[in-house]
All heavy atoms as atom14 arrays in JSON, in Angstrom:
{
  "sequence": "GGTIAHLQQQYWELTDKLVQLRQTATALEGLLGCDEPSQPVRDRALAR",
  "atom14_mask": [
    [1, 1, 1, 1, 0, 0, 0, 0, 0, 0, 0, 0, 0, 0],
    [1, 1, 1, 1, 0, 0, 0, 0, 0, 0, 0, 0, 0, 0],
    [1, 1, 1, 1, 1, 1, 1, 0, 0, 0, 0, 0, 0, 0],
    [1, 1, 1, 1, 1, 1, 1, 1, 0, 0, 0, 0, 0, 0],
    [1, 1, 1, 1, 1, 0, 0, 0, 0, 0, 0, 0, 0, 0],
    [1, 1, 1, 1, 1, 1, 1, 1, 1, 1, 0, 0, 0, 0],
    [1, 1, 1, 1, 1, 1, 1, 1, 0, 0, 0, 0, 0, 0],
    [1, 1, 1, 1, 1, 1, 1, 1, 1, 0, 0, 0, 0, 0],
    [1, 1, 1, 1, 1, 1, 1, 1, 1, 0, 0, 0, 0, 0],
    [1, 1, 1, 1, 1, 1, 1, 1, 1, 0, 0, 0, 0, 0],
    [1, 1, 1, 1, 1, 1, 1, 1, 1, 1, 1, 1, 0, 0],
    [1, 1, 1, 1, 1, 1, 1, 1, 1, 1, 1, 1, 1, 1],
    [1, 1, 1, 1, 1, 1, 1, 1, 1, 0, 0, 0, 0, 0],
    [1, 1, 1, 1, 1, 1, 1, 1, 0, 0, 0, 0, 0, 0],
    [1, 1, 1, 1, 1, 1, 1, 0, 0, 0, 0, 0, 0, 0],
    [1, 1, 1, 1, 1, 1, 1, 1, 0, 0, 0, 0, 0, 0],
    [1, 1, 1, 1, 1, 1, 1, 1, 1, 0, 0, 0, 0, 0],
    [1, 1, 1, 1, 1, 1, 1, 1, 0, 0, 0, 0, 0, 0],
    [1, 1, 1, 1, 1, 1, 1, 0, 0, 0, 0, 0, 0, 0],
    [1, 1, 1, 1, 1, 1, 1, 1, 1, 0, 0, 0, 0, 0],
    [1, 1, 1, 1, 1, 1, 1, 1, 0, 0, 0, 0, 0, 0],
    [1, 1, 1, 1, 1, 1, 1, 1, 1, 1, 1, 0, 0, 0],
    [1, 1, 1, 1, 1, 1, 1, 1, 1, 0, 0, 0, 0, 0],
    [1, 1, 1, 1, 1, 1, 1, 0, 0, 0, 0, 0, 0, 0],
    [1, 1, 1, 1, 1, 0, 0, 0, 0, 0, 0, 0, 0, 0],
    [1, 1, 1, 1, 1, 1, 1, 0, 0, 0, 0, 0, 0, 0],
    [1, 1, 1, 1, 1, 0, 0, 0, 0, 0, 0, 0, 0, 0],
    [1, 1, 1, 1, 1, 1, 1, 1, 0, 0, 0, 0, 0, 0],
    [1, 1, 1, 1, 1, 1, 1, 1, 1, 0, 0, 0, 0, 0],
    [1, 1, 1, 1, 0, 0, 0, 0, 0, 0, 0, 0, 0, 0],
    [1, 1, 1, 1, 1, 1, 1, 1, 0, 0, 0, 0, 0, 0],
    [1, 1, 1, 1, 1, 1, 1, 1, 0, 0, 0, 0, 0, 0],
    [1, 1, 1, 1, 0, 0, 0, 0, 0, 0, 0, 0, 0, 0],
    [1, 1, 1, 1, 1, 1, 0, 0, 0, 0, 0, 0, 0, 0],
    [1, 1, 1, 1, 1, 1, 1, 1, 0, 0, 0, 0, 0, 0],
    [1, 1, 1, 1, 1, 1, 1, 1, 1, 0, 0, 0, 0, 0],
    [1, 1, 1, 1, 1, 1, 1, 0, 0, 0, 0, 0, 0, 0],
    [1, 1, 1, 1, 1, 1, 0, 0, 0, 0, 0, 0, 0, 0],
    [1, 1, 1, 1, 1, 1, 1, 1, 1, 0, 0, 0, 0, 0],
    [1, 1, 1, 1, 1, 1, 1, 0, 0, 0, 0, 0, 0, 0],
    [1, 1, 1, 1, 1, 1, 1, 0, 0, 0, 0, 0, 0, 0],
    [1, 1, 1, 1, 1, 1, 1, 1, 1, 1, 1, 0, 0, 0],
    [1, 1, 1, 1, 1, 1, 1, 1, 0, 0, 0, 0, 0, 0],
    [1, 1, 1, 1, 1, 1, 1, 1, 1, 1, 1, 0, 0, 0],
    [1, 1, 1, 1, 1, 0, 0, 0, 0, 0, 0, 0, 0, 0],
    [1, 1, 1, 1, 1, 1, 1, 1, 0, 0, 0, 0, 0, 0],
    [1, 1, 1, 1, 1, 0, 0, 0, 0, 0, 0, 0, 0, 0],
    [1, 1, 1, 1, 1, 1, 1, 1, 1, 1, 1, 0, 0, 0]
  ],
  "atom14_positions": [
    [[-14.89, -27.02, 0.55], [-13.49, -26.9, 0.18], [-13.3, -26.2, -1.15], [-12.37, -25.41, -1.32], [0.0, 0.0, 0.0], [0.0, 0.0, 0.0], [0.0, 0.0, 0.0], [0.0, 0.0, 0.0], [0.0, 0.0, 0.0], [0.0, 0.0, 0.0], [0.0, 0.0, 0.0], [0.0, 0.0, 0.0], [0.0, 0.0, 0.0], [0.0, 0.0, 0.0]],
    [[-14.2, -26.46, -2.11], [-14.12, -25.78, -3.4], [-14.37, -24.3, -3.28], [-13.73, -23.48, -3.95], [0.0, 0.0, 0.0], [0.0, 0.0, 0.0], [0.0, 0.0, 0.0], [0.0, 0.0, 0.0], [0.0, 0.0, 0.0], [0.0, 0.0, 0.0], [0.0, 0.0, 0.0], [0.0, 0.0, 0.0], [0.0, 0.0, 0.0], [0.0, 0.0, 0.0]],
    [[-15.31, -23.94, -2.4], [-15.59, -22.52, -2.18], [-14.39, -21.83, -1.55], [-14.01, -20.72, -1.96], [-16.82, -22.37, -1.26], [-17.95, -22.95, -1.88], [-17.09, -20.89, -0.98], [0.0, 0.0, 0.0], [0.0, 0.0, 0.0], [0.0, 0.0, 0.0], [0.0, 0.0, 0.0], [0.0, 0.0, 0.0], [0.0, 0.0, 0.0], [0.0, 0.0, 0.0]],
    [[-13.77, -22.48, -0.57], [-12.59, -21.91, 0.07], [-11.46, -21.73, -0.94], [-10.78, -20.7, -0.97], [-12.12, -22.8, 1.24], [-13.16, -22.82, 2.36], [-10.77, -22.34, 1.77], [-13.41, -21.46, 2.98], [0.0, 0.0, 0.0], [0.0, 0.0, 0.0], [0.0, 0.0, 0.0], [0.0, 0.0, 0.0], [0.0, 0.0, 0.0], [0.0, 0.0, 0.0]],
    [[-11.27, -22.73, -1.8], [-10.22, -22.64, -2.81], [-10.49, -21.48, -3.77], [-9.57, -20.76, -4.17], [-10.11, -23.96, -3.58], [0.0, 0.0, 0.0], [0.0, 0.0, 0.0], [0.0, 0.0, 0.0], [0.0, 0.0, 0.0], [0.0, 0.0, 0.0], [0.0, 0.0, 0.0], [0.0, 0.0, 0.0], [0.0, 0.0, 0.0], [0.0, 0.0, 0.0]],
    [[-11.77, -21.3, -4.12], [-12.13, -20.21, -5.02], [-11.86, -18.86, -4.35], [-11.29, -17.95, -4.97], [-13.61, -20.31, -5.41], [-14.05, -19.26, -6.38], [-13.83, -19.35, -7.74], [-14.68, -18.08, -6.19], [-14.31, -18.28, -8.35], [-14.83, -17.5, -7.42], [0.0, 0.0, 0.0], [0.0, 0.0, 0.0], [0.0, 0.0, 0.0], [0.0, 0.0, 0.0]],
    [[-12.25, -18.73, -3.09], [-12.0, -17.48, -2.36], [-10.51, -17.24, -2.19], [-10.05, -16.09, -2.24], [-12.7, -17.53, -1.0], [-14.22, -17.51, -1.01], [-14.77, -17.7, 0.39], [-14.75, -16.22, -1.62], [0.0, 0.0, 0.0], [0.0, 0.0, 0.0], [0.0, 0.0, 0.0], [0.0, 0.0, 0.0], [0.0, 0.0, 0.0], [0.0, 0.0, 0.0]],
    [[-9.76, -18.32, -1.98], [-8.31, -18.18, -1.85], [-7.71, -17.66, -3.15], [-6.84, -16.78, -3.13], [-7.7, -19.53, -1.48], [-6.21, -19.48, -1.19], [-5.66, -20.84, -0.83], [-5.94, -21.82, -1.52], [-4.89, -20.92, 0.24], [0.0, 0.0, 0.0], [0.0, 0.0, 0.0], [0.0, 0.0, 0.0], [0.0, 0.0, 0.0], [0.0, 0.0, 0.0]],
    [[-8.18, -18.17, -4.28], [-7.68, -17.7, -5.57], [-8.01, -16.23, -5.77], [-7.17, -15.45, -6.25], [-8.29, -18.54, -6.7], [-7.8, -18.16, -8.09], [-6.3, -18.36, -8.26], [-5.75, -19.35, -7.78], [-5.64, -17.43, -8.94], [0.0, 0.0, 0.0], [0.0, 0.0, 0.0], [0.0, 0.0, 0.0], [0.0, 0.0, 0.0], [0.0, 0.0, 0.0]],
    [[-9.22, -15.84, -5.38], [-9.6, -14.44, -5.5], [-8.76, -13.56, -4.58], [-8.41, -12.43, -4.94], [-11.08, -14.28, -5.17], [-12.0, -14.88, -6.24], [-13.45, -14.66, -5.92], [-13.86, -14.71, -4.76], [-14.25, -14.42, -6.93], [0.0, 0.0, 0.0], [0.0, 0.0, 0.0], [0.0, 0.0, 0.0], [0.0, 0.0, 0.0], [0.0, 0.0, 0.0]],
    [[-8.42, -14.08, -3.41], [-7.56, -13.33, -2.49], [-6.19, -13.1, -3.1], [-5.63, -12.0, -3.03], [-7.43, -14.08, -1.16], [-6.4, -13.49, -0.23], [-6.68, -12.31, 0.47], [-5.15, -14.08, -0.08], [-5.73, -11.75, 1.31], [-4.2, -13.52, 0.76], [-4.49, -12.36, 1.45], [-3.54, -11.8, 2.27], [0.0, 0.0, 0.0], [0.0, 0.0, 0.0]],
    [[-5.63, -14.14, -3.71], [-4.32, -13.99, -4.36], [-4.39, -12.96, -5.49], [-3.46, -12.18, -5.68], [-3.85, -15.33, -4.89], [-3.46, -16.29, -3.81], [-3.05, -15.98, -2.54], [-3.44, -17.71, -3.89], [-2.78, -17.12, -1.82], [-3.01, -18.2, -2.62], [-3.75, -18.64, -4.89], [-2.87, -19.56, -2.35], [-3.61, -19.99, -4.61], [-3.18, -20.44, -3.36]],
    [[-5.47, -12.97, -6.25], [-5.61, -11.99, -7.33], [-5.69, -10.57, -6.78], [-5.1, -9.63, -7.34], [-6.85, -12.32, -8.17], [-6.73, -13.63, -8.96], [-8.02, -14.03, -9.63], [-9.03, -13.28, -9.47], [-8.06, -15.08, -10.31], [0.0, 0.0, 0.0], [0.0, 0.0, 0.0], [0.0, 0.0, 0.0], [0.0, 0.0, 0.0], [0.0, 0.0, 0.0]],
    [[-6.44, -10.42, -5.68], [-6.53, -9.1, -5.05], [-5.17, -8.65, -4.52], [-4.81, -7.48, -4.61], [-7.54, -9.13, -3.9], [-9.02, -9.05, -4.28], [-9.88, -9.27, -3.05], [-9.34, -7.71, -4.91], [0.0, 0.0, 0.0], [0.0, 0.0, 0.0], [0.0, 0.0, 0.0], [0.0, 0.0, 0.0], [0.0, 0.0, 0.0], [0.0, 0.0, 0.0]],
    [[-4.42, -9.62, -3.97], [-3.09, -9.3, -3.45], [-2.19, -8.81, -4.57], [-1.41, -7.86, -4.39], [-2.47, -10.52, -2.76], [-3.33, -10.95, -1.7], [-1.11, -10.19, -2.18], [0.0, 0.0, 0.0], [0.0, 0.0, 0.0], [0.0, 0.0, 0.0], [0.0, 0.0, 0.0], [0.0, 0.0, 0.0], [0.0, 0.0, 0.0], [0.0, 0.0, 0.0]],
    [[-2.27, -9.46, -5.73], [-1.48, -9.0, -6.88], [-1.84, -7.57, -7.26], [-0.97, -6.74, -7.56], [-1.7, -9.92, -8.08], [-1.03, -11.27, -7.91], [-0.11, -11.36, -7.08], [-1.43, -12.23, -8.59], [0.0, 0.0, 0.0], [0.0, 0.0, 0.0], [0.0, 0.0, 0.0], [0.0, 0.0, 0.0], [0.0, 0.0, 0.0], [0.0, 0.0, 0.0]],
    [[-3.15, -7.25, -7.24], [-3.59, -5.89, -7.56], [-3.08, -4.9, -6.52], [-2.69, -3.78, -6.84], [-5.11, -5.85, -7.65], [-5.68, -6.61, -8.83], [-7.19, -6.55, -8.85], [-7.76, -7.35, -10.02], [-9.24, -7.33, -10.02], [0.0, 0.0, 0.0], [0.0, 0.0, 0.0], [0.0, 0.0, 0.0], [0.0, 0.0, 0.0], [0.0, 0.0, 0.0]],
    [[-3.11, -5.34, -5.24], [-2.6, -4.46, -4.18], [-1.12, -4.16, -4.37], [-0.67, -3.04, -4.12], [-2.85, -5.1, -2.81], [-4.3, -5.09, -2.31], [-4.41, -5.91, -1.02], [-4.77, -3.67, -2.06], [0.0, 0.0, 0.0], [0.0, 0.0, 0.0], [0.0, 0.0, 0.0], [0.0, 0.0, 0.0], [0.0, 0.0, 0.0], [0.0, 0.0, 0.0]],
    [[-0.37, -5.18, -4.8], [1.06, -4.98, -5.05], [1.26, -3.96, -6.16], [2.1, -3.05, -6.06], [1.74, -6.31, -5.42], [3.16, -6.08, -5.92], [1.76, -7.25, -4.21], [0.0, 0.0, 0.0], [0.0, 0.0, 0.0], [0.0, 0.0, 0.0], [0.0, 0.0, 0.0], [0.0, 0.0, 0.0], [0.0, 0.0, 0.0], [0.0, 0.0, 0.0]],
    [[0.45, -4.08, -7.23], [0.56, -3.12, -8.33], [0.19, -1.72, -7.87], [0.86, -0.74, -8.22], [-0.34, -3.57, -9.48], [0.08, -4.89, -10.12], [-0.93, -5.41, -11.12], [-1.84, -4.68, -11.53], [-0.82, -6.67, -11.49], [0.0, 0.0, 0.0], [0.0, 0.0, 0.0], [0.0, 0.0, 0.0], [0.0, 0.0, 0.0], [0.0, 0.0, 0.0]],
    [[-0.88, -1.62, -7.07], [-1.28, -0.31, -6.56], [-0.22, 0.25, -5.61], [0.04, 1.46, -5.61], [-2.62, -0.43, -5.83], [-3.85, -0.68, -6.71], [-5.06, -0.98, -5.85], [-4.11, 0.52, -7.61], [0.0, 0.0, 0.0], [0.0, 0.0, 0.0], [0.0, 0.0, 0.0], [0.0, 0.0, 0.0], [0.0, 0.0, 0.0], [0.0, 0.0, 0.0]],
    [[0.39, -0.63, -4.81], [1.45, -0.18, -3.9], [2.64, 0.34, -4.68], [3.27, 1.34, -4.28], [1.86, -1.34, -3.01], [2.91, -1.03, -1.96], [2.38, -0.1, -0.9], [2.82, 1.28, -1.1], [2.47, 2.3, -0.35], [1.66, 2.12, 0.65], [2.92, 3.51, -0.6], [0.0, 0.0, 0.0], [0.0, 0.0, 0.0], [0.0, 0.0, 0.0]],
    [[2.97, -0.31, -5.82], [4.07, 0.16, -6.65], [3.76, 1.54, -7.22], [4.63, 2.42, -7.25], [4.34, -0.85, -7.77], [4.93, -2.16, -7.27], [5.0, -3.21, -8.36], [4.29, -3.14, -9.37], [5.85, -4.21, -8.16], [0.0, 0.0, 0.0], [0.0, 0.0, 0.0], [0.0, 0.0, 0.0], [0.0, 0.0, 0.0], [0.0, 0.0, 0.0]],
    [[2.51, 1.73, -7.66], [2.11, 3.04, -8.17], [2.17, 4.07, -7.05], [2.66, 5.2, -7.24], [0.69, 2.98, -8.75], [0.64, 2.01, -9.8], [0.27, 4.33, -9.31], [0.0, 0.0, 0.0], [0.0, 0.0, 0.0], [0.0, 0.0, 0.0], [0.0, 0.0, 0.0], [0.0, 0.0, 0.0], [0.0, 0.0, 0.0], [0.0, 0.0, 0.0]],
    [[1.65, 3.7, -5.87], [1.68, 4.62, -4.74], [3.1, 4.98, -4.36], [3.4, 6.14, -4.02], [0.95, 4.0, -3.54], [0.0, 0.0, 0.0], [0.0, 0.0, 0.0], [0.0, 0.0, 0.0], [0.0, 0.0, 0.0], [0.0, 0.0, 0.0], [0.0, 0.0, 0.0], [0.0, 0.0, 0.0], [0.0, 0.0, 0.0], [0.0, 0.0, 0.0]],
    [[4.01, 4.01, -4.43], [5.41, 4.26, -4.09], [6.02, 5.29, -5.05], [6.77, 6.18, -4.64], [6.22, 2.96, -4.13], [5.69, 2.06, -3.16], [7.69, 3.21, -3.83], [0.0, 0.0, 0.0], [0.0, 0.0, 0.0], [0.0, 0.0, 0.0], [0.0, 0.0, 0.0], [0.0, 0.0, 0.0], [0.0, 0.0, 0.0], [0.0, 0.0, 0.0]],
    [[5.69, 5.14, -6.33], [6.19, 6.11, -7.32], [5.65, 7.51, -7.03], [6.38, 8.51, -7.09], [5.81, 5.66, -8.72], [0.0, 0.0, 0.0], [0.0, 0.0, 0.0], [0.0, 0.0, 0.0], [0.0, 0.0, 0.0], [0.0, 0.0, 0.0], [0.0, 0.0, 0.0], [0.0, 0.0, 0.0], [0.0, 0.0, 0.0], [0.0, 0.0, 0.0]],
    [[4.35, 7.58, -6.7], [3.76, 8.88, -6.39], [4.34, 9.46, -5.1], [4.56, 10.67, -4.99], [2.24, 8.74, -6.26], [1.49, 8.44, -7.57], [0.04, 8.12, -7.3], [1.61, 9.61, -8.53], [0.0, 0.0, 0.0], [0.0, 0.0, 0.0], [0.0, 0.0, 0.0], [0.0, 0.0, 0.0], [0.0, 0.0, 0.0], [0.0, 0.0, 0.0]],
    [[4.58, 8.59, -4.12], [5.19, 9.06, -2.88], [6.57, 9.63, -3.13], [6.98, 10.61, -2.49], [5.27, 7.9, -1.88], [3.92, 7.52, -1.27], [3.95, 6.17, -0.59], [5.0, 5.48, -0.65], [2.92, 5.8, -0.01], [0.0, 0.0, 0.0], [0.0, 0.0, 0.0], [0.0, 0.0, 0.0], [0.0, 0.0, 0.0], [0.0, 0.0, 0.0]],
    [[7.3, 9.05, -4.07], [8.62, 9.56, -4.39], [8.57, 10.97, -4.95], [9.49, 11.77, -4.74], [0.0, 0.0, 0.0], [0.0, 0.0, 0.0], [0.0, 0.0, 0.0], [0.0, 0.0, 0.0], [0.0, 0.0, 0.0], [0.0, 0.0, 0.0], [0.0, 0.0, 0.0], [0.0, 0.0, 0.0], [0.0, 0.0, 0.0], [0.0, 0.0, 0.0]],
    [[7.47, 11.28, -5.65], [7.33, 12.61, -6.22], [6.69, 13.59, -5.24], [7.16, 14.71, -5.06], [6.49, 12.54, -7.5], [7.1, 11.75, -8.66], [6.09, 11.59, -9.79], [8.36, 12.44, -9.18], [0.0, 0.0, 0.0], [0.0, 0.0, 0.0], [0.0, 0.0, 0.0], [0.0, 0.0, 0.0], [0.0, 0.0, 0.0], [0.0, 0.0, 0.0]],
    [[5.61, 13.16, -4.61], [4.88, 14.06, -3.72], [5.56, 14.22, -2.37], [5.39, 15.23, -1.69], [3.46, 13.53, -3.5], [2.56, 13.5, -4.74], [1.24, 12.83, -4.41], [2.32, 14.9, -5.28], [0.0, 0.0, 0.0], [0.0, 0.0, 0.0], [0.0, 0.0, 0.0], [0.0, 0.0, 0.0], [0.0, 0.0, 0.0], [0.0, 0.0, 0.0]],
    [[6.33, 13.21, -1.96], [6.92, 13.23, -0.63], [8.22, 13.98, -0.53], [8.87, 13.93, 0.52], [0.0, 0.0, 0.0], [0.0, 0.0, 0.0], [0.0, 0.0, 0.0], [0.0, 0.0, 0.0], [0.0, 0.0, 0.0], [0.0, 0.0, 0.0], [0.0, 0.0, 0.0], [0.0, 0.0, 0.0], [0.0, 0.0, 0.0], [0.0, 0.0, 0.0]],
    [[8.63, 14.67, -1.57], [9.9, 15.39, -1.51], [9.71, 16.73, -0.8], [8.65, 17.33, -0.86], [10.47, 15.61, -2.91], [9.54, 16.75, -3.92], [0.0, 0.0, 0.0], [0.0, 0.0, 0.0], [0.0, 0.0, 0.0], [0.0, 0.0, 0.0], [0.0, 0.0, 0.0], [0.0, 0.0, 0.0], [0.0, 0.0, 0.0], [0.0, 0.0, 0.0]],
    [[10.75, 17.18, -0.12], [10.68, 18.45, 0.57], [11.18, 19.57, -0.35], [11.54, 19.33, -1.51], [11.49, 18.41, 1.87], [12.86, 17.79, 1.68], [13.35, 17.81, 0.54], [13.43, 17.26, 2.66], [0.0, 0.0, 0.0], [0.0, 0.0, 0.0], [0.0, 0.0, 0.0], [0.0, 0.0, 0.0], [0.0, 0.0, 0.0], [0.0, 0.0, 0.0]],
    [[11.21, 20.78, 0.16], [11.5, 21.95, -0.7], [12.85, 21.88, -1.39], [12.93, 22.17, -2.59], [11.38, 23.22, 0.14], [11.51, 24.48, -0.69], [11.24, 25.74, 0.12], [10.85, 25.6, 1.3], [11.41, 26.84, -0.41], [0.0, 0.0, 0.0], [0.0, 0.0, 0.0], [0.0, 0.0, 0.0], [0.0, 0.0, 0.0], [0.0, 0.0, 0.0]],
    [[13.95, 21.49, -0.71], [15.24, 21.45, -1.43], [15.25, 20.45, -2.59], [16.04, 20.61, -3.52], [16.23, 21.03, -0.33], [15.59, 21.46, 0.94], [14.13, 21.24, 0.73], [0.0, 0.0, 0.0], [0.0, 0.0, 0.0], [0.0, 0.0, 0.0], [0.0, 0.0, 0.0], [0.0, 0.0, 0.0], [0.0, 0.0, 0.0], [0.0, 0.0, 0.0]],
    [[14.39, 19.45, -2.54], [14.38, 18.44, -3.59], [13.46, 18.79, -4.75], [13.46, 18.09, -5.77], [13.94, 17.08, -3.02], [14.81, 16.65, -2.0], [0.0, 0.0, 0.0], [0.0, 0.0, 0.0], [0.0, 0.0, 0.0], [0.0, 0.0, 0.0], [0.0, 0.0, 0.0], [0.0, 0.0, 0.0], [0.0, 0.0, 0.0], [0.0, 0.0, 0.0]],
    [[12.68, 19.84, -4.62], [11.67, 20.14, -5.64], [12.25, 20.44, -7.02], [11.67, 20.02, -8.03], [10.77, 21.27, -5.15], [9.83, 20.81, -4.05], [8.93, 21.91, -3.53], [8.94, 23.03, -4.04], [8.17, 21.6, -2.49], [0.0, 0.0, 0.0], [0.0, 0.0, 0.0], [0.0, 0.0, 0.0], [0.0, 0.0, 0.0], [0.0, 0.0, 0.0]],
    [[13.39, 21.16, -7.15], [13.93, 21.35, -8.5], [14.28, 20.04, -9.2], [14.03, 19.87, -10.39], [15.19, 22.2, -8.25], [14.91, 22.91, -6.97], [14.13, 21.93, -6.15], [0.0, 0.0, 0.0], [0.0, 0.0, 0.0], [0.0, 0.0, 0.0], [0.0, 0.0, 0.0], [0.0, 0.0, 0.0], [0.0, 0.0, 0.0], [0.0, 0.0, 0.0]],
    [[14.84, 19.09, -8.43], [15.14, 17.78, -9.02], [13.85, 17.06, -9.37], [13.75, 16.41, -10.41], [15.97, 16.94, -8.03], [16.3, 15.58, -8.65], [17.25, 17.67, -7.67], [0.0, 0.0, 0.0], [0.0, 0.0, 0.0], [0.0, 0.0, 0.0], [0.0, 0.0, 0.0], [0.0, 0.0, 0.0], [0.0, 0.0, 0.0], [0.0, 0.0, 0.0]],
    [[12.84, 17.17, -8.5], [11.54, 16.56, -8.79], [10.94, 17.12, -10.08], [10.42, 16.37, -10.92], [10.57, 16.8, -7.63], [9.18, 16.19, -7.86], [8.15, 16.82, -6.96], [8.0, 18.25, -7.24], [7.21, 19.05, -6.53], [6.58, 18.59, -5.48], [7.1, 20.33, -6.85], [0.0, 0.0, 0.0], [0.0, 0.0, 0.0], [0.0, 0.0, 0.0]],
    [[11.01, 18.43, -10.25], [10.44, 19.05, -11.45], [11.16, 18.56, -12.71], [10.53, 18.32, -13.74], [10.53, 20.58, -11.34], [9.66, 21.12, -10.22], [8.76, 20.39, -9.76], [9.89, 22.27, -9.79], [0.0, 0.0, 0.0], [0.0, 0.0, 0.0], [0.0, 0.0, 0.0], [0.0, 0.0, 0.0], [0.0, 0.0, 0.0], [0.0, 0.0, 0.0]],
    [[12.48, 18.4, -12.62], [13.22, 17.87, -13.77], [12.81, 16.42, -14.05], [12.66, 16.01, -15.2], [14.73, 17.96, -13.53], [15.29, 19.37, -13.54], [16.8, 19.36, -13.74], [17.5, 18.65, -12.69], [17.9, 19.21, -11.54], [17.65, 20.5, -11.31], [18.56, 18.51, -10.64], [0.0, 0.0, 0.0], [0.0, 0.0, 0.0], [0.0, 0.0, 0.0]],
    [[12.61, 15.66, -12.98], [12.21, 14.26, -13.14], [10.84, 14.18, -13.81], [10.62, 13.36, -14.72], [12.19, 13.55, -11.79], [0.0, 0.0, 0.0], [0.0, 0.0, 0.0], [0.0, 0.0, 0.0], [0.0, 0.0, 0.0], [0.0, 0.0, 0.0], [0.0, 0.0, 0.0], [0.0, 0.0, 0.0], [0.0, 0.0, 0.0], [0.0, 0.0, 0.0]],
    [[9.91, 15.03, -13.4], [8.58, 15.04, -14.02], [8.66, 15.39, -15.5], [8.0, 14.79, -16.34], [7.67, 16.04, -13.29], [7.08, 15.56, -11.96], [6.41, 16.72, -11.24], [6.08, 14.44, -12.2], [0.0, 0.0, 0.0], [0.0, 0.0, 0.0], [0.0, 0.0, 0.0], [0.0, 0.0, 0.0], [0.0, 0.0, 0.0], [0.0, 0.0, 0.0]],
    [[9.5, 16.39, -15.81], [9.66, 16.78, -17.21], [10.24, 15.63, -18.03], [9.8, 15.37, -19.16], [10.55, 18.03, -17.31], [0.0, 0.0, 0.0], [0.0, 0.0, 0.0], [0.0, 0.0, 0.0], [0.0, 0.0, 0.0], [0.0, 0.0, 0.0], [0.0, 0.0, 0.0], [0.0, 0.0, 0.0], [0.0, 0.0, 0.0], [0.0, 0.0, 0.0]],
    [[11.22, 14.93, -17.48], [11.83, 13.81, -18.19], [10.84, 12.66, -18.34], [10.83, 11.97, -19.37], [13.07, 13.33, -17.43], [14.17, 14.39, -17.33], [15.17, 14.27, -18.49], [15.97, 13.08, -18.35], [17.05, 12.99, -17.57], [17.42, 14.04, -16.84], [17.75, 11.89, -17.52], [0.0, 0.0, 0.0], [0.0, 0.0, 0.0], [0.0, 0.0, 0.0]]
  ]
}
């Protein structure tokens, strides 16, 4: 039971890291996932 609890705690920590990585990925997707008409706005956003 102690081993399971320890693994569970490690799973929660990994999940927190995945959430942080997902947030970073979401930000990058917002920049990289834009199509051609949106690129001027994207370039201004990057500069800002």
